[in-house]
PDB file of all heavy atoms in Angstrom:
ATOM      1  N   ASP A   1     -10.390  -2.138   4.466  1.00  0.00           N
ATOM      2  CA  ASP A   1      -9.722  -3.449   4.391  1.00  0.00           C
ATOM      3  C   ASP A   1      -9.714  -3.994   2.983  1.00  0.00           C
ATOM      4  O   ASP A   1      -8.724  -4.614   2.544  1.00  0.00           O
ATOM      5  CB  ASP A   1     -10.382  -4.440   5.357  1.00  0.00           C
ATOM      6  CG  ASP A   1     -11.851  -4.675   5.039  1.00  0.00           C
ATOM      7  OD1 ASP A   1     -12.475  -3.794   4.460  1.00  0.00           O
ATOM      8  OD2 ASP A   1     -12.352  -5.744   5.433  1.00  0.00           O
ATOM      9  N   GLN A   2     -10.764  -3.744   2.191  1.00  0.00           N
ATOM     10  CA  GLN A   2     -10.786  -4.176   0.801  1.00  0.00           C
ATOM     11  C   GLN A   2      -9.861  -3.313  -0.057  1.00  0.00           C
ATOM     12  O   GLN A   2      -9.245  -3.836  -1.014  1.00  0.00           O
ATOM     13  CB  GLN A   2     -12.218  -4.130   0.256  1.00  0.00           C
ATOM     14  CG  GLN A   2     -13.136  -5.153   0.870  1.00  0.00           C
ATOM     15  CD  GLN A   2     -14.525  -5.138   0.257  1.00  0.00           C
ATOM     16  OE1 GLN A   2     -14.722  -4.754  -0.893  1.00  0.00           O
ATOM     17  NE2 GLN A   2     -15.522  -5.607   1.035  1.00  0.00           N
ATOM     18  N   VAL A   3      -9.739  -2.042   0.247  1.00  0.00           N
ATOM     19  CA  VAL A   3      -8.774  -1.179  -0.446  1.00  0.00           C
ATOM     20  C   VAL A   3      -7.373  -1.726  -0.194  1.00  0.00           C
ATOM     21  O   VAL A   3      -6.559  -1.826  -1.121  1.00  0.00           O
ATOM     22  CB  VAL A   3      -8.878   0.288   0.061  1.00  0.00           C
ATOM     23  CG1 VAL A   3      -7.789   1.123  -0.575  1.00  0.00           C
ATOM     24  CG2 VAL A   3     -10.250   0.860  -0.313  1.00  0.00           C
ATOM     25  N   ALA A   4      -7.083  -2.106   1.061  1.00  0.00           N
ATOM     26  CA  ALA A   4      -5.770  -2.627   1.396  1.00  0.00           C
ATOM     27  C   ALA A   4      -5.499  -3.935   0.646  1.00  0.00           C
ATOM     28  O   ALA A   4      -4.387  -4.159   0.138  1.00  0.00           O
ATOM     29  CB  ALA A   4      -5.654  -2.855   2.907  1.00  0.00           C
ATOM     30  N   ALA A   5      -6.501  -4.795   0.539  1.00  0.00           N
ATOM     31  CA  ALA A   5      -6.330  -6.056  -0.175  1.00  0.00           C
ATOM     32  C   ALA A   5      -6.037  -5.804  -1.652  1.00  0.00           C
ATOM     33  O   ALA A   5      -5.163  -6.470  -2.260  1.00  0.00           O
ATOM     34  CB  ALA A   5      -7.564  -6.944  -0.010  1.00  0.00           C
ATOM     35  N   ALA A   6      -6.753  -4.887  -2.263  1.00  0.00           N
ATOM     36  CA  ALA A   6      -6.535  -4.559  -3.661  1.00  0.00           C
ATOM     37  C   ALA A   6      -5.149  -3.944  -3.859  1.00  0.00           C
ATOM     38  O   ALA A   6      -4.469  -4.221  -4.851  1.00  0.00           O
ATOM     39  CB  ALA A   6      -7.598  -3.598  -4.157  1.00  0.00           C
ATOM     40  N   ALA A   7      -4.726  -3.112  -2.926  1.00  0.00           N
ATOM     41  CA  ALA A   7      -3.388  -2.501  -3.002  1.00  0.00           C
ATOM     42  C   ALA A   7      -2.313  -3.577  -2.908  1.00  0.00           C
ATOM     43  O   ALA A   7      -1.321  -3.549  -3.664  1.00  0.00           O
ATOM     44  CB  ALA A   7      -3.203  -1.480  -1.888  1.00  0.00           C
ATOM     45  N   ARG A   8      -2.504  -4.549  -2.023  1.00  0.00           N
ATOM     46  CA  ARG A   8      -1.493  -5.623  -1.891  1.00  0.00           C
ATOM     47  C   ARG A   8      -1.430  -6.459  -3.166  1.00  0.00           C
ATOM     48  O   ARG A   8      -0.376  -6.975  -3.522  1.00  0.00           O
ATOM     49  CB  ARG A   8      -1.811  -6.471  -0.666  1.00  0.00           C
ATOM     50  CG  ARG A   8      -1.600  -5.729   0.657  1.00  0.00           C
ATOM     51  CD  ARG A   8      -1.750  -6.653   1.862  1.00  0.00           C
ATOM     52  NE  ARG A   8      -1.511  -5.910   3.104  1.00  0.00           N
ATOM     53  CZ  ARG A   8      -2.473  -5.428   3.899  1.00  0.00           C
ATOM     54  NH1 ARG A   8      -3.752  -5.635   3.557  1.00  0.00           N
ATOM     55  NH2 ARG A   8      -2.172  -4.768   4.994  1.00  0.00           N
ATOM     56  N   GLU A   9      -2.544  -6.611  -3.841  1.00  0.00           N
ATOM     57  CA  GLU A   9      -2.526  -7.365  -5.107  1.00  0.00           C
ATOM     58  C   GLU A   9      -1.707  -6.625  -6.150  1.00  0.00           C
ATOM     59  O   GLU A   9      -0.929  -7.228  -6.881  1.00  0.00           O
ATOM     60  CB  GLU A   9      -3.973  -7.564  -5.598  1.00  0.00           C
ATOM     61  CG  GLU A   9      -4.101  -8.513  -6.787  1.00  0.00           C
ATOM     62  CD  GLU A   9      -3.800  -7.857  -8.135  1.00  0.00           C
ATOM     63  OE1 GLU A   9      -4.132  -6.634  -8.259  1.00  0.00           O
ATOM     64  OE2 GLU A   9      -3.265  -8.525  -9.032  1.00  0.00           O
ATOM     65  N   HIS A  10      -1.854  -5.293  -6.211  1.00  0.00           N
ATOM     66  CA  HIS A  10      -1.027  -4.496  -7.127  1.00  0.00           C
ATOM     67  C   HIS A  10       0.443  -4.590  -6.766  1.00  0.00           C
ATOM     68  O   HIS A  10       1.312  -4.759  -7.647  1.00  0.00           O
ATOM     69  CB  HIS A  10      -1.470  -3.026  -7.102  1.00  0.00           C
ATOM     70  CG  HIS A  10      -2.532  -2.693  -8.103  1.00  0.00           C
ATOM     71  ND1 HIS A  10      -2.297  -1.951  -9.219  1.00  0.00           N
ATOM     72  CD2 HIS A  10      -3.846  -3.027  -8.131  1.00  0.00           C
ATOM     73  CE1 HIS A  10      -3.424  -1.835  -9.922  1.00  0.00           C
ATOM     74  NE2 HIS A  10      -4.384  -2.469  -9.267  1.00  0.00           N
ATOM     75  N   ILE A  11       0.722  -4.500  -5.487  1.00  0.00           N
ATOM     76  CA  ILE A  11       2.115  -4.595  -5.022  1.00  0.00           C
ATOM     77  C   ILE A  11       2.702  -5.959  -5.381  1.00  0.00           C
ATOM     78  O   ILE A  11       3.845  -6.066  -5.828  1.00  0.00           O
ATOM     79  CB  ILE A  11       2.201  -4.300  -3.509  1.00  0.00           C
ATOM     80  CG1 ILE A  11       1.898  -2.836  -3.254  1.00  0.00           C
ATOM     81  CG2 ILE A  11       3.567  -4.706  -2.948  1.00  0.00           C
ATOM     82  CD1 ILE A  11       1.709  -2.492  -1.780  1.00  0.00           C
ATOM     83  N   ASP A  12       1.896  -7.015  -5.192  1.00  0.00           N
ATOM     84  CA  ASP A  12       2.364  -8.364  -5.515  1.00  0.00           C
ATOM     85  C   ASP A  12       2.664  -8.516  -7.003  1.00  0.00           C
ATOM     86  O   ASP A  12       3.635  -9.199  -7.391  1.00  0.00           O
ATOM     87  CB  ASP A  12       1.342  -9.394  -5.059  1.00  0.00           C
ATOM     88  CG  ASP A  12       1.845 -10.832  -5.252  1.00  0.00           C
ATOM     89  OD1 ASP A  12       2.874 -11.163  -4.644  1.00  0.00           O
ATOM     90  OD2 ASP A  12       1.218 -11.582  -6.031  1.00  0.00           O
ATOM     91  N   TYR A  13       1.855  -7.874  -7.837  1.00  0.00           N
ATOM     92  CA  TYR A  13       2.081  -7.900  -9.301  1.00  0.00           C
ATOM     93  C   TYR A  13       3.482  -7.361  -9.616  1.00  0.00           C
ATOM     94  O   TYR A  13       4.223  -7.966 -10.379  1.00  0.00           O
ATOM     95  CB  TYR A  13       1.008  -7.060  -9.965  1.00  0.00           C
ATOM     96  CG  TYR A  13       1.277  -6.816 -11.475  1.00  0.00           C
ATOM     97  CD1 TYR A  13       0.829  -7.707 -12.423  1.00  0.00           C
ATOM     98  CD2 TYR A  13       1.970  -5.687 -11.886  1.00  0.00           C
ATOM     99  CE1 TYR A  13       1.074  -7.505 -13.780  1.00  0.00           C
ATOM    100  CE2 TYR A  13       2.237  -5.474 -13.235  1.00  0.00           C
ATOM    101  CZ  TYR A  13       1.769  -6.397 -14.168  1.00  0.00           C
ATOM    102  OH  TYR A  13       2.045  -6.167 -15.518  1.00  0.00           O
ATOM    103  N   TYR A  14       3.829  -6.239  -9.022  1.00  0.00           N
ATOM    104  CA  TYR A  14       5.164  -5.660  -9.283  1.00  0.00           C
ATOM    105  C   TYR A  14       6.263  -6.453  -8.603  1.00  0.00           C
ATOM    106  O   TYR A  14       7.370  -6.570  -9.133  1.00  0.00           O
ATOM    107  CB  TYR A  14       5.175  -4.201  -8.831  1.00  0.00           C
ATOM    108  CG  TYR A  14       4.318  -3.269  -9.664  1.00  0.00           C
ATOM    109  CD1 TYR A  14       3.193  -2.658  -9.148  1.00  0.00           C
ATOM    110  CD2 TYR A  14       4.642  -3.030 -11.006  1.00  0.00           C
ATOM    111  CE1 TYR A  14       2.428  -1.829  -9.934  1.00  0.00           C
ATOM    112  CE2 TYR A  14       3.867  -2.198 -11.792  1.00  0.00           C
ATOM    113  CZ  TYR A  14       2.756  -1.603 -11.254  1.00  0.00           C
ATOM    114  OH  TYR A  14       1.978  -0.776 -12.042  1.00  0.00           O
ATOM    115  N   HIS A  15       5.959  -6.981  -7.425  1.00  0.00           N
ATOM    116  CA  HIS A  15       6.987  -7.774  -6.698  1.00  0.00           C
ATOM    117  C   HIS A  15       7.396  -9.010  -7.506  1.00  0.00           C
ATOM    118  O   HIS A  15       8.559  -9.398  -7.496  1.00  0.00           O
ATOM    119  CB  HIS A  15       6.446  -8.192  -5.333  1.00  0.00           C
ATOM    120  CG  HIS A  15       7.337  -9.112  -4.595  1.00  0.00           C
ATOM    121  ND1 HIS A  15       8.540  -8.704  -4.043  1.00  0.00           N
ATOM    122  CD2 HIS A  15       7.207 -10.436  -4.304  1.00  0.00           C
ATOM    123  CE1 HIS A  15       9.128  -9.738  -3.438  1.00  0.00           C
ATOM    124  NE2 HIS A  15       8.335 -10.808  -3.593  1.00  0.00           N
ATOM    125  N   GLN A  16       6.439  -9.635  -8.195  1.00  0.00           N
ATOM    126  CA  GLN A  16       6.752 -10.824  -9.003  1.00  0.00           C
ATOM    127  C   GLN A  16       7.709 -10.450 -10.152  1.00  0.00           C
ATOM    128  O   GLN A  16       8.477 -11.306 -10.606  1.00  0.00           O
ATOM    129  CB  GLN A  16       5.484 -11.412  -9.551  1.00  0.00           C
ATOM    130  CG  GLN A  16       4.606 -12.058  -8.508  1.00  0.00           C
ATOM    131  CD  GLN A  16       3.338 -12.672  -9.100  1.00  0.00           C
ATOM    132  OE1 GLN A  16       3.283 -12.951 -10.292  1.00  0.00           O
ATOM    133  NE2 GLN A  16       2.322 -12.855  -8.271  1.00  0.00           N
ATOM    134  N   ARG A  17       7.652  -9.218 -10.612  1.00  0.00           N
ATOM    135  CA  ARG A  17       8.522  -8.772 -11.718  1.00  0.00           C
ATOM    136  C   ARG A  17       9.812  -8.142 -11.233  1.00  0.00           C
ATOM    137  O   ARG A  17      10.795  -8.058 -11.975  1.00  0.00           O
ATOM    138  CB  ARG A  17       7.732  -7.807 -12.604  1.00  0.00           C
ATOM    139  CG  ARG A  17       6.683  -8.528 -13.427  1.00  0.00           C
ATOM    140  CD  ARG A  17       5.480  -7.670 -13.760  1.00  0.00           C
ATOM    141  NE  ARG A  17       4.505  -8.469 -14.529  1.00  0.00           N
ATOM    142  CZ  ARG A  17       3.658  -9.310 -13.963  1.00  0.00           C
ATOM    143  NH1 ARG A  17       3.640  -9.464 -12.642  1.00  0.00           N
ATOM    144  NH2 ARG A  17       2.818 -10.016 -14.710  1.00  0.00           N
ATOM    145  N   LEU A  18       9.789  -7.670  -9.987  1.00  0.00           N
ATOM    146  CA  LEU A  18      10.985  -7.094  -9.376  1.00  0.00           C
ATOM    147  C   LEU A  18      10.977  -7.465  -7.883  1.00  0.00           C
ATOM    148  O   LEU A  18      10.265  -6.842  -7.098  1.00  0.00           O
ATOM    149  CB  LEU A  18      11.010  -5.565  -9.561  1.00  0.00           C
ATOM    150  CG  LEU A  18      12.226  -4.832  -8.979  1.00  0.00           C
ATOM    151  CD1 LEU A  18      13.486  -5.202  -9.736  1.00  0.00           C
ATOM    152  CD2 LEU A  18      11.998  -3.308  -9.018  1.00  0.00           C
ATOM    153  N   PRO A  19      11.736  -8.470  -7.490  1.00  0.00           N
ATOM    154  CA  PRO A  19      11.691  -8.919  -6.095  1.00  0.00           C
ATOM    155  C   PRO A  19      11.954  -7.833  -5.078  1.00  0.00           C
ATOM    156  O   PRO A  19      11.471  -7.897  -3.947  1.00  0.00           O
ATOM    157  CB  PRO A  19      12.775 -10.009  -6.055  1.00  0.00           C
ATOM    158  CG  PRO A  19      12.811 -10.527  -7.462  1.00  0.00           C
ATOM    159  CD  PRO A  19      12.573  -9.344  -8.348  1.00  0.00           C
ATOM    160  N   ASP A  20      12.732  -6.810  -5.457  1.00  0.00           N
ATOM    161  CA  ASP A  20      13.010  -5.715  -4.511  1.00  0.00           C
ATOM    162  C   ASP A  20      11.822  -4.804  -4.268  1.00  0.00           C
ATOM    163  O   ASP A  20      11.891  -3.937  -3.409  1.00  0.00           O
ATOM    164  CB  ASP A  20      14.204  -4.878  -5.031  1.00  0.00           C
ATOM    165  CG  ASP A  20      15.516  -5.617  -4.920  1.00  0.00           C
ATOM    166  OD1 ASP A  20      15.588  -6.603  -4.152  1.00  0.00           O
ATOM    167  OD2 ASP A  20      16.486  -5.230  -5.590  1.00  0.00           O
ATOM    168  N   PHE A  21      10.757  -4.960  -5.056  1.00  0.00           N
ATOM    169  CA  PHE A  21       9.551  -4.149  -4.860  1.00  0.00           C
ATOM    170  C   PHE A  21       8.823  -4.707  -3.637  1.00  0.00           C
ATOM    171  O   PHE A  21       7.935  -5.576  -3.731  1.00  0.00           O
ATOM    172  CB  PHE A  21       8.666  -4.228  -6.114  1.00  0.00           C
ATOM    173  CG  PHE A  21       7.623  -3.176  -6.201  1.00  0.00           C
ATOM    174  CD1 PHE A  21       7.728  -2.136  -7.126  1.00  0.00           C
ATOM    175  CD2 PHE A  21       6.503  -3.186  -5.377  1.00  0.00           C
ATOM    176  CE1 PHE A  21       6.774  -1.150  -7.217  1.00  0.00           C
ATOM    177  CE2 PHE A  21       5.543  -2.196  -5.457  1.00  0.00           C
ATOM    178  CZ  PHE A  21       5.668  -1.180  -6.390  1.00  0.00           C
ATOM    179  N   GLN A  22       9.183  -4.200  -2.465  1.00  0.00           N
ATOM    180  CA  GLN A  22       8.642  -4.697  -1.210  1.00  0.00           C
ATOM    181  C   GLN A  22       8.028  -3.557  -0.424  1.00  0.00           C
ATOM    182  O   GLN A  22       8.581  -3.067   0.544  1.00  0.00           O
ATOM    183  CB  GLN A  22       9.751  -5.403  -0.407  1.00  0.00           C
ATOM    184  CG  GLN A  22      10.316  -6.620  -1.100  1.00  0.00           C
ATOM    185  CD  GLN A  22      11.332  -7.363  -0.252  1.00  0.00           C
ATOM    186  OE1 GLN A  22      11.586  -7.009   0.875  1.00  0.00           O
ATOM    187  NE2 GLN A  22      11.930  -8.392  -0.825  1.00  0.00           N
ATOM    188  N   ALA A  23       6.882  -3.133  -0.872  1.00  0.00           N
ATOM    189  CA  ALA A  23       6.167  -2.026  -0.215  1.00  0.00           C
ATOM    190  C   ALA A  23       5.269  -2.595   0.879  1.00  0.00           C
ATOM    191  O   ALA A  23       4.812  -3.746   0.819  1.00  0.00           O
ATOM    192  CB  ALA A  23       5.342  -1.255  -1.239  1.00  0.00           C
ATOM    193  N   SER A  24       5.019  -1.760   1.866  1.00  0.00           N
ATOM    194  CA  SER A  24       4.096  -2.147   2.948  1.00  0.00           C
ATOM    195  C   SER A  24       2.825  -1.325   2.862  1.00  0.00           C
ATOM    196  O   SER A  24       2.802  -0.215   2.291  1.00  0.00           O
ATOM    197  CB  SER A  24       4.767  -1.927   4.309  1.00  0.00           C
ATOM    198  OG  SER A  24       5.070  -0.550   4.508  1.00  0.00           O
ATOM    199  N   VAL A  25       1.737  -1.887   3.384  1.00  0.00           N
ATOM    200  CA  VAL A  25       0.422  -1.220   3.409  1.00  0.00           C
ATOM    201  C   VAL A  25       0.021  -1.053   4.848  1.00  0.00           C
ATOM    202  O   VAL A  25       0.060  -2.000   5.649  1.00  0.00           O
ATOM    203  CB  VAL A  25      -0.612  -2.045   2.635  1.00  0.00           C
ATOM    204  CG1 VAL A  25      -1.988  -1.376   2.722  1.00  0.00           C
ATOM    205  CG2 VAL A  25      -0.193  -2.228   1.173  1.00  0.00           C
ATOM    206  N   GLN A  26      -0.410   0.169   5.194  1.00  0.00           N
ATOM    207  CA  GLN A  26      -0.792   0.432   6.589  1.00  0.00           C
ATOM    208  C   GLN A  26      -2.106   1.200   6.624  1.00  0.00           C
ATOM    209  O   GLN A  26      -2.219   2.271   6.020  1.00  0.00           O
ATOM    210  CB  GLN A  26       0.311   1.233   7.280  1.00  0.00           C
ATOM    211  CG  GLN A  26       0.023   1.589   8.737  1.00  0.00           C
ATOM    212  CD  GLN A  26       1.160   2.371   9.377  1.00  0.00           C
ATOM    213  OE1 GLN A  26       2.288   2.323   8.922  1.00  0.00           O
ATOM    214  NE2 GLN A  26       0.851   3.109  10.449  1.00  0.00           N
ATOM    215  N   VAL A  27      -3.108   0.634   7.294  1.00  0.00           N
ATOM    216  CA  VAL A  27      -4.376   1.331   7.509  1.00  0.00           C
ATOM    217  C   VAL A  27      -4.268   2.138   8.791  1.00  0.00           C
ATOM    218  O   VAL A  27      -3.850   1.632   9.839  1.00  0.00           O
ATOM    219  CB  VAL A  27      -5.539   0.332   7.602  1.00  0.00           C
ATOM    220  CG1 VAL A  27      -6.850   1.059   7.867  1.00  0.00           C
ATOM    221  CG2 VAL A  27      -5.628  -0.495   6.315  1.00  0.00           C
ATOM    222  N   CYS A  28      -4.598   3.445   8.705  1.00  0.00           N
ATOM    223  CA  CYS A  28      -4.448   4.325   9.863  1.00  0.00           C
ATOM    224  C   CYS A  28      -5.524   5.374   9.870  1.00  0.00           C
ATOM    225  O   CYS A  28      -6.345   5.487   8.957  1.00  0.00           O
ATOM    226  CB  CYS A  28      -3.056   4.998   9.820  1.00  0.00           C
ATOM    227  SG  CYS A  28      -2.831   6.081   8.408  1.00  0.00           S
ATOM    228  N   ASP A  29      -5.566   6.159  10.900  1.00  0.00           N
ATOM    229  CA  ASP A  29      -6.576   7.216  11.052  1.00  0.00           C
ATOM    230  C   ASP A  29      -5.960   8.616  11.161  1.00  0.00           C
ATOM    231  O   ASP A  29      -6.573   9.536  11.669  1.00  0.00           O
ATOM    232  CB  ASP A  29      -7.453   6.963  12.260  1.00  0.00           C
ATOM    233  CG  ASP A  29      -6.654   6.982  13.575  1.00  0.00           C
ATOM    234  OD1 ASP A  29      -5.421   7.078  13.507  1.00  0.00           O
ATOM    235  OD2 ASP A  29      -7.285   6.919  14.652  1.00  0.00           O
ATOM    236  N   THR A  30      -4.718   8.761  10.649  1.00  0.00           N
ATOM    237  CA  THR A  30      -4.004  10.017  10.843  1.00  0.00           C
ATOM    238  C   THR A  30      -3.643  10.740   9.550  1.00  0.00           C
ATOM    239  O   THR A  30      -2.755  11.576   9.529  1.00  0.00           O
ATOM    240  CB  THR A  30      -2.714   9.771  11.656  1.00  0.00           C
ATOM    241  OG1 THR A  30      -1.906   8.807  10.977  1.00  0.00           O
ATOM    242  CG2 THR A  30      -3.032   9.291  13.065  1.00  0.00           C
ATOM    243  N   ILE A  31      -4.287  10.366   8.432  1.00  0.00           N
ATOM    244  CA  ILE A  31      -4.013  11.090   7.180  1.00  0.00           C
ATOM    245  C   ILE A  31      -5.297  11.734   6.675  1.00  0.00           C
ATOM    246  O   ILE A  31      -6.403  11.239   6.934  1.00  0.00           O
ATOM    247  CB  ILE A  31      -3.401  10.159   6.105  1.00  0.00           C
ATOM    248  CG1 ILE A  31      -4.373   9.013   5.755  1.00  0.00           C
ATOM    249  CG2 ILE A  31      -2.052   9.628   6.553  1.00  0.00           C
ATOM    250  CD1 ILE A  31      -3.889   8.171   4.574  1.00  0.00           C
ATOM    251  N   ALA A  32      -5.152  12.841   5.950  1.00  0.00           N
ATOM    252  CA  ALA A  32      -6.307  13.598   5.518  1.00  0.00           C
ATOM    253  C   ALA A  32      -6.908  13.016   4.228  1.00  0.00           C
ATOM    254  O   ALA A  32      -8.104  13.144   3.998  1.00  0.00           O
ATOM    255  CB  ALA A  32      -5.899  15.054   5.279  1.00  0.00           C
ATOM    256  N   SER A  33      -6.080  12.386   3.383  1.00  0.00           N
ATOM    257  CA  SER A  33      -6.571  11.833   2.124  1.00  0.00           C
ATOM    258  C   SER A  33      -6.858  10.356   2.300  1.00  0.00           C
ATOM    259  O   SER A  33      -6.463   9.733   3.288  1.00  0.00           O
ATOM    260  CB  SER A  33      -5.542  12.049   1.029  1.00  0.00           C
ATOM    261  OG  SER A  33      -4.289  11.536   1.404  1.00  0.00           O
ATOM    262  N   ALA A  34      -7.553   9.772   1.294  1.00  0.00           N
ATOM    263  CA  ALA A  34      -7.881   8.353   1.368  1.00  0.00           C
ATOM    264  C   ALA A  34      -6.645   7.477   1.293  1.00  0.00           C
ATOM    265  O   ALA A  34      -6.509   6.468   2.010  1.00  0.00           O
ATOM    266  CB  ALA A  34      -8.871   7.992   0.270  1.00  0.00           C
ATOM    267  N   LEU A  35      -5.723   7.823   0.401  1.00  0.00           N
ATOM    268  CA  LEU A  35      -4.479   7.096   0.187  1.00  0.00           C
ATOM    269  C   LEU A  35      -3.290   8.056   0.203  1.00  0.00           C
ATOM    270  O   LEU A  35      -3.438   9.181  -0.273  1.00  0.00           O
ATOM    271  CB  LEU A  35      -4.508   6.337  -1.151  1.00  0.00           C
ATOM    272  CG  LEU A  35      -5.618   5.336  -1.384  1.00  0.00           C
ATOM    273  CD1 LEU A  35      -5.553   4.793  -2.790  1.00  0.00           C
ATOM    274  CD2 LEU A  35      -5.539   4.184  -0.391  1.00  0.00           C
ATOM    275  N   MET A  36      -2.167   7.576   0.668  1.00  0.00           N
ATOM    276  CA  MET A  36      -0.979   8.425   0.702  1.00  0.00           C
ATOM    277  C   MET A  36       0.259   7.548   0.723  1.00  0.00           C
ATOM    278  O   MET A  36       0.307   6.567   1.457  1.00  0.00           O
ATOM    279  CB  MET A  36      -1.001   9.322   1.952  1.00  0.00           C
ATOM    280  CG  MET A  36       0.243  10.184   2.107  1.00  0.00           C
ATOM    281  SD  MET A  36       0.140  11.186   3.625  1.00  0.00           S
ATOM    282  CE  MET A  36       1.749  11.957   3.605  1.00  0.00           C
ATOM    283  N   VAL A  37       1.249   7.883  -0.113  1.00  0.00           N
ATOM    284  CA  VAL A  37       2.505   7.154  -0.148  1.00  0.00           C
ATOM    285  C   VAL A  37       3.593   7.970   0.526  1.00  0.00           C
ATOM    286  O   VAL A  37       3.714   9.164   0.288  1.00  0.00           O
ATOM    287  CB  VAL A  37       2.934   6.824  -1.595  1.00  0.00           C
ATOM    288  CG1 VAL A  37       4.387   6.397  -1.677  1.00  0.00           C
ATOM    289  CG2 VAL A  37       2.047   5.722  -2.162  1.00  0.00           C
ATOM    290  N   ALA A  38       4.345   7.303   1.408  1.00  0.00           N
ATOM    291  CA  ALA A  38       5.552   7.909   2.010  1.00  0.00           C
ATOM    292  C   ALA A  38       6.675   6.906   1.841  1.00  0.00           C
ATOM    293  O   ALA A  38       6.685   5.850   2.461  1.00  0.00           O
ATOM    294  CB  ALA A  38       5.296   8.199   3.500  1.00  0.00           C
ATOM    295  N   GLN A  39       7.624   7.242   0.969  1.00  0.00           N
ATOM    296  CA  GLN A  39       8.773   6.393   0.647  1.00  0.00           C
ATOM    297  C   GLN A  39       8.264   5.020   0.170  1.00  0.00           C
ATOM    298  O   GLN A  39       7.633   4.926  -0.874  1.00  0.00           O
ATOM    299  CB  GLN A  39       9.721   6.328   1.831  1.00  0.00           C
ATOM    300  CG  GLN A  39      10.327   7.706   2.180  1.00  0.00           C
ATOM    301  CD  GLN A  39      11.215   7.671   3.391  1.00  0.00           C
ATOM    302  OE1 GLN A  39      11.672   6.648   3.831  1.00  0.00           O
ATOM    303  NE2 GLN A  39      11.467   8.847   3.927  1.00  0.00           N
ATOM    304  N   ASP A  40       8.491   3.941   0.961  1.00  0.00           N
ATOM    305  CA  ASP A  40       8.071   2.616   0.507  1.00  0.00           C
ATOM    306  C   ASP A  40       6.800   2.128   1.191  1.00  0.00           C
ATOM    307  O   ASP A  40       6.497   0.926   1.214  1.00  0.00           O
ATOM    308  CB  ASP A  40       9.191   1.603   0.771  1.00  0.00           C
ATOM    309  CG  ASP A  40       9.582   1.507   2.235  1.00  0.00           C
ATOM    310  OD1 ASP A  40       9.108   2.351   3.024  1.00  0.00           O
ATOM    311  OD2 ASP A  40      10.334   0.577   2.593  1.00  0.00           O
ATOM    312  N   ARG A  41       6.018   3.069   1.744  1.00  0.00           N
ATOM    313  CA  ARG A  41       4.800   2.709   2.476  1.00  0.00           C
ATOM    314  C   ARG A  41       3.578   3.327   1.856  1.00  0.00           C
ATOM    315  O   ARG A  41       3.588   4.486   1.429  1.00  0.00           O
ATOM    316  CB  ARG A  41       4.920   3.179   3.937  1.00  0.00           C
ATOM    317  CG  ARG A  41       6.007   2.488   4.735  1.00  0.00           C
ATOM    318  CD  ARG A  41       6.246   3.217   6.035  1.00  0.00           C
ATOM    319  NE  ARG A  41       6.814   4.553   5.808  1.00  0.00           N
ATOM    320  CZ  ARG A  41       6.904   5.522   6.735  1.00  0.00           C
ATOM    321  NH1 ARG A  41       6.399   5.311   7.950  1.00  0.00           N
ATOM    322  NH2 ARG A  41       7.437   6.685   6.430  1.00  0.00           N
ATOM    323  N   LEU A  42       2.500   2.554   1.805  1.00  0.00           N
ATOM    324  CA  LEU A  42       1.204   3.063   1.359  1.00  0.00           C
ATOM    325  C   LEU A  42       0.290   3.151   2.581  1.00  0.00           C
ATOM    326  O   LEU A  42       0.014   2.141   3.233  1.00  0.00           O
ATOM    327  CB  LEU A  42       0.570   2.133   0.295  1.00  0.00           C
ATOM    328  CG  LEU A  42      -0.859   2.498  -0.110  1.00  0.00           C
ATOM    329  CD1 LEU A  42      -0.880   3.850  -0.837  1.00  0.00           C
ATOM    330  CD2 LEU A  42      -1.434   1.412  -1.017  1.00  0.00           C
ATOM    331  N   PHE A  43      -0.160   4.362   2.900  1.00  0.00           N
ATOM    332  CA  PHE A  43      -1.090   4.576   3.996  1.00  0.00           C
ATOM    333  C   PHE A  43      -2.512   4.653   3.435  1.00  0.00           C
ATOM    334  O   PHE A  43      -2.752   5.307   2.428  1.00  0.00           O
ATOM    335  CB  PHE A  43      -0.775   5.878   4.742  1.00  0.00           C
ATOM    336  CG  PHE A  43       0.548   5.835   5.468  1.00  0.00           C
ATOM    337  CD1 PHE A  43       1.695   6.355   4.890  1.00  0.00           C
ATOM    338  CD2 PHE A  43       0.630   5.281   6.732  1.00  0.00           C
ATOM    339  CE1 PHE A  43       2.906   6.328   5.584  1.00  0.00           C
ATOM    340  CE2 PHE A  43       1.832   5.261   7.414  1.00  0.00           C
ATOM    341  CZ  PHE A  43       2.974   5.761   6.856  1.00  0.00           C
ATOM    342  N   ILE A  44      -3.437   3.994   4.132  1.00  0.00           N
ATOM    343  CA  ILE A  44      -4.850   4.016   3.747  1.00  0.00           C
ATOM    344  C   ILE A  44      -5.654   4.502   4.947  1.00  0.00           C
ATOM    345  O   ILE A  44      -5.505   3.959   6.056  1.00  0.00           O
ATOM    346  CB  ILE A  44      -5.334   2.602   3.328  1.00  0.00           C
ATOM    347  CG1 ILE A  44      -4.521   2.107   2.123  1.00  0.00           C
ATOM    348  CG2 ILE A  44      -6.829   2.620   3.005  1.00  0.00           C
ATOM    349  CD1 ILE A  44      -4.804   0.657   1.782  1.00  0.00           C
ATOM    350  N   SER A  45      -6.449   5.521   4.724  1.00  0.00           N
ATOM    351  CA  SER A  45      -7.266   6.013   5.835  1.00  0.00           C
ATOM    352  C   SER A  45      -8.333   4.990   6.190  1.00  0.00           C
ATOM    353  O   SER A  45      -9.011   4.442   5.320  1.00  0.00           O
ATOM    354  CB  SER A  45      -7.940   7.339   5.427  1.00  0.00           C
ATOM    355  OG  SER A  45      -8.879   7.723   6.418  1.00  0.00           O
ATOM    356  N   GLU A  46      -8.473   4.703   7.495  1.00  0.00           N
ATOM    357  CA  GLU A  46      -9.473   3.723   7.908  1.00  0.00           C
ATOM    358  C   GLU A  46     -10.898   4.223   7.649  1.00  0.00           C
ATOM    359  O   GLU A  46     -11.847   3.430   7.644  1.00  0.00           O
ATOM    360  CB  GLU A  46      -9.301   3.377   9.392  1.00  0.00           C
ATOM    361  CG  GLU A  46      -9.530   4.533  10.339  1.00  0.00           C
ATOM    362  CD  GLU A  46      -9.320   4.126  11.793  1.00  0.00           C
ATOM    363  OE1 GLU A  46      -8.636   3.124  12.046  1.00  0.00           O
ATOM    364  OE2 GLU A  46      -9.853   4.829  12.673  1.00  0.00           O
TER     365      GLU A  46
END
């Protein structure tokens, strides 16, 4: 949950400079690595 909060802060930094930067963050249990990007989504292993 803290990883997700830090990731959203980074995303907000870019969003303020480019409004179209609208990435989503999803915590899940179905990825092998700690973090993974798929298109406009950031997956975080729970």
